[in-house]
Amino acid sequence: MGEWPMVKLGEVARVVAGGTPKTSVLEYWDGDIPWVTPKDLALSESLWINAGERFITDYGLAKSAAALLPRGTVLWSSRAPIGLVAIANNQIATNQGFKSFVPGGELDSEYLAYFLIHQRPILEMMGVGATFKEVSAKRAAEIMVPLPPLGEQKRIAEILGRVAEAEQHVQDTLELLDEVAKSSFYTFCGIPDHFERRKKIGEIAIVATGNTPPRKDPSNYGSYIEWIKSDNLGSIFPTPASEFLSEEGLKRGRVAAPGSLLMTCIAGSIKSIGKCSVVNRKVAFNQQINSIKPVNNEDLYYLYLLFYVAPYLVQRRSTGGLKGIVKKSSLEMCEIPWPERKVRQMIGTFCQEWINCHLLVMRKLSLLQELQKSLATRAFAGLL
């Protein structure tokens, strides 16, 4: 990496593992010391973090393996999952899911944080363990880091920080668009549960369940048509499939064509039920998914926005305990708001315009993410 020396992280930062006070001892909890978990990092919208959901007392800190970390400490989740990063904006403690780095005078906190973010795919492979993967303090201390002069570190961090800030602005725009979708639907149609005029899905659409062509016959699988699974749903259009059927497999499969929706109806959790995408290309789909083909094509986008805003209409028909299951017959019997045609048309038109805006913002986010990756690659190679 240019002329910069490569150093072990443990040589330029102190590595600190976290800990958890006993949850059964009330005196350890609800104090003044922020106590952070990997979940808190996942939910944080900023690189700098002030606190998590819980706080511990000085007594709890003293009676656990946790340590009080100074402002500027780089928090790095070392298990479940590996690689989440934040910087402590004040004194803070963490649970045992972290190996935190307290930089010495030669290392800038933000520079290190962006380096760890950029290296996440590589660092994740350092994890070992049977039950869950974890990176030990010893291995974390051996992470190799390029060490340019401190001024150059700060310059790199400032550039990458500007792109990260732009990304956050775009993420904020996406959240705003979600609110616009909900508020606009409520304006046009009211709260779904309070709408009096209703119809069953089976009355206004054809519902079909996907399937899995027999795997014992390899000729069913190939590269002819995408085979969509539940993890491909939830975005406006299905994401590209990782598995394809052959022409022979297509004869045994179920196909959805443009003009229909695909909805997750079997999932590991109820909250994943009702995830919906508009079919924008001919695809096959598996048995965890139902297709919904409106009898009147103009109702497609009304239905999409309805399920986007109110997936609970389908979720509450779920059976199977913690695992969500909505059978085809149950989905057909699901009652949904059914306003007059002109109102459905109005909502459908709005939905298409909203989708166009959403796709433009997503494209901008994708470009910024590509820029961030490119800049980081060049920066840590000494080429920026």
Protein backbone atom coordinates (compact mmCIF):
# COMPACT_ATOMS: atom_id res chain seq x y z
CA MET A 1 0.00 0.00 0.00
CA GLY A 2 2.21 2.76 -1.30
CA GLU A 3 5.11 3.77 0.95
CA TRP A 4 3.06 3.48 4.12
CA PRO A 5 4.09 0.94 6.75
CA MET A 6 1.69 -1.87 7.59
CA VAL A 7 1.31 -2.31 11.34
CA LYS A 8 -0.60 -4.66 13.60
CA LEU A 9 -3.63 -2.92 15.10
CA GLY A 10 -2.54 -3.97 18.57
CA GLU A 11 0.66 -1.94 18.11
CA VAL A 12 -1.18 1.36 17.61
CA ALA A 13 -4.36 0.77 19.63
CA ARG A 14 -5.39 -0.91 22.86
CA VAL A 15 -7.78 -3.84 22.28
CA VAL A 16 -10.58 -4.07 24.85
CA ALA A 17 -13.19 -6.84 25.12
CA GLY A 18 -16.64 -6.07 26.51
CA GLY A 19 -18.78 -7.77 29.11
CA THR A 20 -22.30 -8.03 30.53
CA PRO A 21 -23.26 -7.48 34.17
CA LYS A 22 -25.62 -10.14 35.54
CA THR A 23 -29.10 -9.24 34.35
CA SER A 24 -30.62 -10.67 37.54
CA VAL A 25 -28.89 -8.10 39.77
CA LEU A 26 -30.96 -4.91 39.69
CA GLU A 27 -28.17 -2.82 41.23
CA TYR A 28 -26.09 -3.36 38.10
CA TRP A 29 -28.61 -1.72 35.78
CA ASP A 30 -30.36 1.59 35.02
CA GLY A 31 -27.34 3.67 35.89
CA ASP A 32 -25.56 6.45 33.99
CA ILE A 33 -23.05 4.49 31.89
CA PRO A 34 -24.17 3.79 28.28
CA TRP A 35 -23.90 0.07 27.55
CA VAL A 36 -23.87 -0.82 23.86
CA THR A 37 -24.68 -4.04 21.99
CA PRO A 38 -24.18 -4.91 18.30
CA LYS A 39 -27.91 -4.34 17.82
CA ASP A 40 -27.42 -0.71 18.85
CA LEU A 41 -24.77 -0.27 16.15
CA ALA A 42 -27.03 -1.85 13.55
CA LEU A 43 -29.77 0.66 14.40
CA SER A 44 -27.49 3.70 14.57
CA GLU A 45 -27.69 6.20 11.69
CA SER A 46 -24.40 7.86 12.60
CA LEU A 47 -20.80 6.66 12.73
CA TRP A 48 -20.51 8.33 16.14
CA ILE A 49 -22.69 6.73 18.82
CA ASN A 50 -23.72 8.19 22.17
CA ALA A 51 -25.60 5.33 23.84
CA GLY A 52 -27.55 2.11 23.37
CA GLU A 53 -30.88 0.99 24.72
CA ARG A 54 -29.54 0.16 28.20
CA PHE A 55 -27.35 1.73 30.87
CA ILE A 56 -25.33 0.20 33.68
CA THR A 57 -24.18 1.49 37.07
CA ASP A 58 -20.62 1.97 38.30
CA TYR A 59 -21.26 -1.08 40.47
CA GLY A 60 -22.33 -3.11 37.45
CA LEU A 61 -19.23 -2.00 35.56
CA ALA A 62 -16.98 -3.06 38.42
CA LYS A 63 -18.67 -6.46 38.74
CA SER A 64 -18.46 -7.37 35.04
CA ALA A 65 -15.80 -7.80 32.37
CA ALA A 66 -16.96 -4.56 30.76
CA ALA A 67 -14.60 -1.57 30.71
CA LEU A 68 -15.26 2.15 30.55
CA LEU A 69 -14.08 3.23 27.10
CA PRO A 70 -13.04 6.84 26.39
CA ARG A 71 -14.50 9.06 23.68
CA GLY A 72 -12.95 8.22 20.32
CA THR A 73 -12.84 4.47 20.97
CA VAL A 74 -13.64 2.51 17.81
CA LEU A 75 -16.29 -0.11 18.61
CA TRP A 76 -16.06 -3.23 16.43
CA SER A 77 -18.51 -6.12 16.76
CA SER A 78 -16.50 -9.32 16.85
CA ARG A 79 -19.37 -11.81 16.80
CA ALA A 80 -23.02 -12.13 15.75
CA PRO A 81 -22.40 -10.29 13.45
CA ILE A 82 -18.73 -9.56 12.80
CA GLY A 83 -17.79 -6.14 11.47
CA LEU A 84 -20.27 -3.51 12.66
CA VAL A 85 -18.41 -0.29 13.42
CA ALA A 86 -19.05 2.89 15.42
CA ILE A 87 -17.04 5.46 17.35
CA ALA A 88 -17.86 6.31 20.96
CA ASN A 89 -18.94 9.94 21.21
CA ASN A 90 -18.59 9.83 25.00
CA GLN A 91 -17.52 7.40 27.70
CA ILE A 92 -19.21 4.10 26.98
CA ALA A 93 -19.16 0.36 27.77
CA THR A 94 -20.01 -2.60 25.55
CA ASN A 95 -21.16 -6.18 25.89
CA GLN A 96 -18.99 -9.19 25.06
CA GLY A 97 -19.92 -8.97 21.37
CA PHE A 98 -17.17 -6.38 20.85
CA LYS A 99 -13.46 -5.99 20.55
CA SER A 100 -13.01 -2.24 20.84
CA PHE A 101 -9.92 -0.27 19.83
CA VAL A 102 -8.64 2.68 21.84
CA PRO A 103 -6.31 4.45 19.36
CA GLY A 104 -2.89 5.69 20.42
CA GLY A 105 -1.46 9.00 19.27
CA GLU A 106 -0.46 7.67 15.84
CA LEU A 107 -3.95 6.54 14.82
CA ASP A 108 -7.05 8.59 13.96
CA SER A 109 -10.38 7.12 15.11
CA GLU A 110 -12.36 7.93 11.97
CA TYR A 111 -9.57 6.67 9.70
CA LEU A 112 -9.56 3.35 11.57
CA ALA A 113 -13.36 3.13 11.51
CA TYR A 114 -13.54 3.59 7.74
CA PHE A 115 -10.72 1.11 7.25
CA LEU A 116 -12.58 -1.54 9.27
CA ILE A 117 -15.80 -0.84 7.34
CA HIS A 118 -13.97 -1.20 4.02
CA GLN A 119 -12.27 -4.42 5.13
CA ARG A 120 -15.40 -6.03 6.57
CA PRO A 121 -15.73 -8.84 3.96
CA ILE A 122 -12.14 -9.90 4.68
CA LEU A 123 -12.30 -9.46 8.45
CA GLU A 124 -15.50 -11.54 8.70
CA MET A 125 -13.46 -14.55 7.56
CA MET A 126 -11.29 -14.25 10.68
CA GLY A 127 -14.15 -15.55 12.83
CA VAL A 128 -13.88 -19.08 14.24
CA GLY A 129 -16.22 -21.22 16.32
CA ALA A 130 -18.78 -24.01 16.02
CA THR A 131 -21.89 -22.36 17.51
CA PHE A 132 -21.15 -18.87 16.15
CA LYS A 133 -18.16 -17.21 14.55
CA GLU A 134 -16.11 -14.90 16.76
CA VAL A 135 -12.83 -12.99 16.49
CA SER A 136 -10.68 -13.21 19.62
CA ALA A 137 -8.86 -10.22 21.11
CA LYS A 138 -5.56 -11.77 20.07
CA ARG A 139 -6.64 -12.09 16.44
CA ALA A 140 -8.19 -8.62 16.45
CA ALA A 141 -4.84 -7.20 17.61
CA GLU A 142 -3.18 -8.83 14.61
CA ILE A 143 -5.31 -7.02 12.00
CA MET A 144 -2.90 -5.27 9.65
CA VAL A 145 -3.54 -1.56 9.07
CA PRO A 146 -1.78 0.84 6.67
CA LEU A 147 -0.39 3.72 8.72
CA PRO A 148 0.11 6.96 6.80
CA PRO A 149 1.02 10.18 8.66
CA LEU A 150 -1.72 11.40 10.99
CA GLY A 151 -2.55 14.37 8.76
CA GLU A 152 -3.09 12.05 5.79
CA GLN A 153 -5.31 9.80 7.92
CA LYS A 154 -7.50 12.78 8.79
CA ARG A 155 -7.70 13.83 5.12
CA ILE A 156 -8.81 10.35 4.07
CA ALA A 157 -11.37 10.19 6.88
CA GLU A 158 -12.78 13.59 5.90
CA ILE A 159 -13.24 12.56 2.24
CA LEU A 160 -14.87 9.24 3.10
CA GLY A 161 -16.98 10.98 5.74
CA ARG A 162 -18.40 13.38 3.18
CA VAL A 163 -19.54 10.50 0.98
CA ALA A 164 -20.98 8.68 4.02
CA GLU A 165 -22.88 11.84 4.95
CA ALA A 166 -24.31 12.05 1.42
CA GLU A 167 -25.35 8.38 1.70
CA GLN A 168 -27.15 9.11 4.96
CA HIS A 169 -29.03 12.00 3.34
CA VAL A 170 -30.21 9.60 0.62
CA GLN A 171 -31.21 7.02 3.25
CA ASP A 172 -33.19 9.77 4.99
CA THR A 173 -34.92 10.50 1.67
CA LEU A 174 -35.93 6.84 1.36
CA GLU A 175 -37.41 6.94 4.86
CA LEU A 176 -39.30 10.09 3.92
CA LEU A 177 -40.65 8.37 0.80
CA ASP A 178 -41.93 5.53 3.01
CA GLU A 179 -43.80 8.08 5.12
CA VAL A 180 -45.15 9.73 1.97
CA ALA A 181 -46.49 6.37 0.76
CA LYS A 182 -48.31 5.72 4.03
CA SER A 183 -49.70 9.21 4.51
CA SER A 184 -50.84 9.43 0.87
CA PHE A 185 -52.63 6.10 1.06
CA TYR A 186 -54.36 7.19 4.26
CA THR A 187 -55.34 10.47 2.60
CA PHE A 188 -56.83 8.74 -0.43
CA CYS A 189 -58.36 5.72 1.27
CA GLY A 190 -58.24 6.12 5.04
CA ILE A 191 -56.86 3.63 7.55
CA PRO A 192 -57.21 0.15 5.98
CA ASP A 193 -58.85 -1.43 9.04
CA HIS A 194 -61.49 1.31 9.19
CA PHE A 195 -62.57 1.13 5.56
CA GLU A 196 -66.08 -0.27 5.32
CA ARG A 197 -66.23 -1.35 1.67
CA ARG A 198 -64.16 -4.52 1.41
CA LYS A 199 -63.58 -7.49 -0.87
CA LYS A 200 -61.81 -10.81 -0.54
CA ILE A 201 -58.57 -11.13 -2.49
CA GLY A 202 -59.99 -14.19 -4.23
CA GLU A 203 -62.81 -12.05 -5.61
CA ILE A 204 -60.58 -9.56 -7.35
CA ALA A 205 -57.48 -11.60 -8.21
CA ILE A 206 -56.25 -15.04 -9.21
CA VAL A 207 -53.99 -16.52 -6.53
CA ALA A 208 -51.44 -19.26 -7.30
CA THR A 209 -48.84 -20.98 -5.12
CA GLY A 210 -45.34 -21.64 -6.40
CA ASN A 211 -43.52 -24.95 -6.25
CA THR A 212 -40.16 -26.70 -6.41
CA PRO A 213 -39.62 -28.97 -9.41
CA PRO A 214 -38.15 -32.32 -8.22
CA ARG A 215 -34.49 -31.86 -7.34
CA LYS A 216 -33.82 -35.56 -7.87
CA ASP A 217 -34.04 -34.77 -11.57
CA PRO A 218 -31.11 -32.40 -12.34
CA SER A 219 -32.59 -31.60 -15.74
CA ASN A 220 -35.15 -29.38 -13.99
CA TYR A 221 -32.46 -26.84 -13.15
CA GLY A 222 -30.33 -24.79 -15.48
CA SER A 223 -30.24 -21.21 -16.78
CA TYR A 224 -33.49 -20.72 -18.67
CA ILE A 225 -35.71 -18.79 -16.22
CA GLU A 226 -35.19 -17.22 -12.78
CA TRP A 227 -36.57 -19.17 -9.85
CA ILE A 228 -37.61 -16.59 -7.25
CA LYS A 229 -37.48 -17.33 -3.51
CA SER A 230 -38.79 -15.33 -0.55
CA ASP A 231 -35.47 -13.58 0.04
CA ASN A 232 -35.85 -12.01 -3.41
CA LEU A 233 -39.02 -10.19 -2.33
CA GLY A 234 -39.56 -6.98 -0.38
CA SER A 235 -38.07 -4.50 -2.85
CA ILE A 236 -40.28 -2.90 -5.53
CA PHE A 237 -39.25 -5.55 -8.07
CA PRO A 238 -37.88 -9.02 -7.26
CA THR A 239 -34.11 -9.00 -6.90
CA PRO A 240 -32.17 -11.24 -9.32
CA ALA A 241 -32.53 -14.92 -8.48
CA SER A 242 -29.52 -17.04 -7.53
CA GLU A 243 -31.03 -20.19 -9.02
CA PHE A 244 -32.66 -20.87 -12.38
CA LEU A 245 -34.90 -23.53 -13.87
CA SER A 246 -34.29 -25.21 -17.21
CA GLU A 247 -36.85 -25.32 -20.00
CA GLU A 248 -37.79 -28.77 -18.73
CA GLY A 249 -38.07 -27.47 -15.17
CA LEU A 250 -40.31 -24.65 -16.34
CA LYS A 251 -42.86 -27.22 -17.48
CA ARG A 252 -43.09 -28.44 -13.87
CA GLY A 253 -42.80 -25.03 -12.25
CA ARG A 254 -45.13 -22.10 -11.57
CA VAL A 255 -44.72 -18.91 -13.54
CA ALA A 256 -45.62 -15.30 -12.79
CA ALA A 257 -45.76 -12.78 -15.59
CA PRO A 258 -45.63 -8.96 -15.54
CA GLY A 259 -48.92 -7.57 -14.28
CA SER A 260 -48.92 -9.64 -11.09
CA LEU A 261 -47.52 -9.49 -7.56
CA LEU A 262 -45.41 -12.04 -5.71
CA MET A 263 -45.98 -12.28 -1.95
CA THR A 264 -44.13 -14.20 0.77
CA CYS A 265 -46.66 -16.47 2.52
CA ILE A 266 -44.33 -18.90 4.33
CA ALA A 267 -41.45 -17.47 6.35
CA GLY A 268 -39.36 -18.01 9.46
CA SER A 269 -41.13 -15.15 11.21
CA ILE A 270 -44.56 -13.54 10.91
CA LYS A 271 -43.06 -10.11 10.17
CA SER A 272 -41.69 -11.47 6.87
CA ILE A 273 -45.18 -12.54 5.77
CA GLY A 274 -46.75 -10.19 3.23
CA LYS A 275 -43.46 -9.00 1.70
CA CYS A 276 -44.50 -8.09 -1.80
CA SER A 277 -42.89 -7.21 -5.14
CA VAL A 278 -44.24 -6.19 -8.53
CA VAL A 279 -43.34 -8.72 -11.23
CA ASN A 280 -41.49 -6.84 -13.98
CA ARG A 281 -40.31 -9.89 -15.92
CA LYS A 282 -41.42 -13.48 -16.42
CA VAL A 283 -40.16 -15.58 -13.48
CA ALA A 284 -40.80 -18.91 -11.76
CA PHE A 285 -41.27 -19.00 -7.98
CA ASN A 286 -41.18 -21.47 -5.11
CA GLN A 287 -43.83 -22.76 -2.68
CA GLN A 288 -43.15 -20.09 -0.03
CA ILE A 289 -44.65 -17.54 -2.39
CA ASN A 290 -48.10 -16.84 -3.81
CA SER A 291 -48.70 -14.86 -6.97
CA ILE A 292 -51.61 -12.41 -7.07
CA LYS A 293 -52.87 -11.56 -10.56
CA PRO A 294 -55.61 -8.90 -10.43
CA VAL A 295 -58.57 -9.58 -12.70
CA ASN A 296 -58.45 -5.91 -13.68
CA ASN A 297 -54.84 -5.03 -14.58
CA GLU A 298 -55.27 -1.43 -13.52
CA ASP A 299 -55.60 -2.59 -9.88
CA LEU A 300 -52.01 -3.89 -9.75
CA TYR A 301 -50.45 -0.77 -8.24
CA TYR A 302 -53.34 -0.15 -5.88
CA LEU A 303 -52.76 -3.64 -4.47
CA TYR A 304 -49.00 -3.16 -4.25
CA LEU A 305 -49.30 0.07 -2.28
CA LEU A 306 -51.97 -1.44 -0.05
CA PHE A 307 -49.76 -4.38 0.93
CA TYR A 308 -46.72 -2.09 1.23
CA VAL A 309 -48.58 0.11 3.70
CA ALA A 310 -50.57 -2.60 5.49
CA PRO A 311 -48.86 -6.03 5.34
CA TYR A 312 -50.62 -6.82 8.62
CA LEU A 313 -53.80 -7.50 6.63
CA VAL A 314 -52.12 -10.72 5.49
CA GLN A 315 -49.87 -11.30 8.51
CA ARG A 316 -52.77 -11.72 10.93
CA ARG A 317 -54.08 -14.66 8.88
CA SER A 318 -50.82 -16.46 9.59
CA THR A 319 -50.76 -19.83 11.35
CA GLY A 320 -47.84 -21.91 12.54
CA GLY A 321 -46.86 -20.10 15.73
CA LEU A 322 -43.66 -18.09 15.47
CA LYS A 323 -43.19 -19.31 11.91
CA GLY A 324 -45.50 -17.51 9.51
CA ILE A 325 -47.74 -19.54 7.19
CA VAL A 326 -50.62 -18.21 5.09
CA LYS A 327 -52.17 -20.86 2.88
CA LYS A 328 -53.53 -20.04 -0.58
CA SER A 329 -57.11 -20.55 0.57
CA SER A 330 -56.58 -18.24 3.54
CA LEU A 331 -55.01 -15.56 1.34
CA GLU A 332 -57.98 -15.76 -1.03
CA MET A 333 -60.33 -15.20 1.92
CA CYS A 334 -58.36 -12.22 3.21
CA GLU A 335 -60.58 -9.12 3.14
CA ILE A 336 -58.99 -5.88 1.95
CA PRO A 337 -60.24 -2.30 1.50
CA TRP A 338 -61.87 -1.91 -1.90
CA PRO A 339 -62.74 1.72 -2.66
CA GLU A 340 -64.49 2.90 -5.81
CA ARG A 341 -62.66 2.42 -9.09
CA LYS A 342 -61.71 6.09 -9.47
CA VAL A 343 -60.08 6.03 -6.03
CA ARG A 344 -58.16 2.83 -6.86
CA GLN A 345 -57.04 4.45 -10.10
CA MET A 346 -55.89 7.56 -8.25
CA ILE A 347 -53.92 5.48 -5.74
CA GLY A 348 -52.47 3.35 -8.55
CA THR A 349 -51.30 6.43 -10.46
CA PHE A 350 -49.72 7.87 -7.33
CA CYS A 351 -48.03 4.53 -6.64
CA GLN A 352 -46.39 4.45 -10.08
CA GLU A 353 -45.07 7.99 -9.62
CA TRP A 354 -43.86 7.07 -6.12
CA ILE A 355 -42.08 3.99 -7.52
CA ASN A 356 -40.30 6.13 -10.11
CA CYS A 357 -39.07 8.49 -7.37
CA HIS A 358 -38.03 5.55 -5.20
CA LEU A 359 -36.03 3.97 -8.03
CA LEU A 360 -34.25 7.25 -8.79
CA VAL A 361 -33.24 7.64 -5.13
CA MET A 362 -32.11 4.00 -4.97
CA ARG A 363 -29.98 4.58 -8.07
CA LYS A 364 -28.36 7.58 -6.41
CA LEU A 365 -27.67 5.52 -3.30
CA SER A 366 -26.11 2.76 -5.40
CA LEU A 367 -23.82 5.26 -7.15
CA LEU A 368 -22.73 6.75 -3.83
CA GLN A 369 -21.99 3.29 -2.44
CA GLU A 370 -19.90 2.49 -5.52
CA LEU A 371 -18.07 5.81 -5.12
CA GLN A 372 -17.40 5.11 -1.44
CA LYS A 373 -15.99 1.68 -2.23
CA SER A 374 -13.79 3.05 -5.02
CA LEU A 375 -12.49 5.94 -2.91
CA ALA A 376 -11.78 3.66 0.05
CA THR A 377 -9.89 1.17 -2.12
CA ARG A 378 -7.72 3.95 -3.52
CA ALA A 379 -7.31 5.70 -0.18
CA PHE A 380 -6.04 2.69 1.76
CA ALA A 381 -3.70 1.84 -1.13
CA GLY A 382 -2.13 5.30 -0.88
CA LEU A 383 -3.55 6.42 -4.25
CA LEU A 384 -6.08 9.06 -3.20
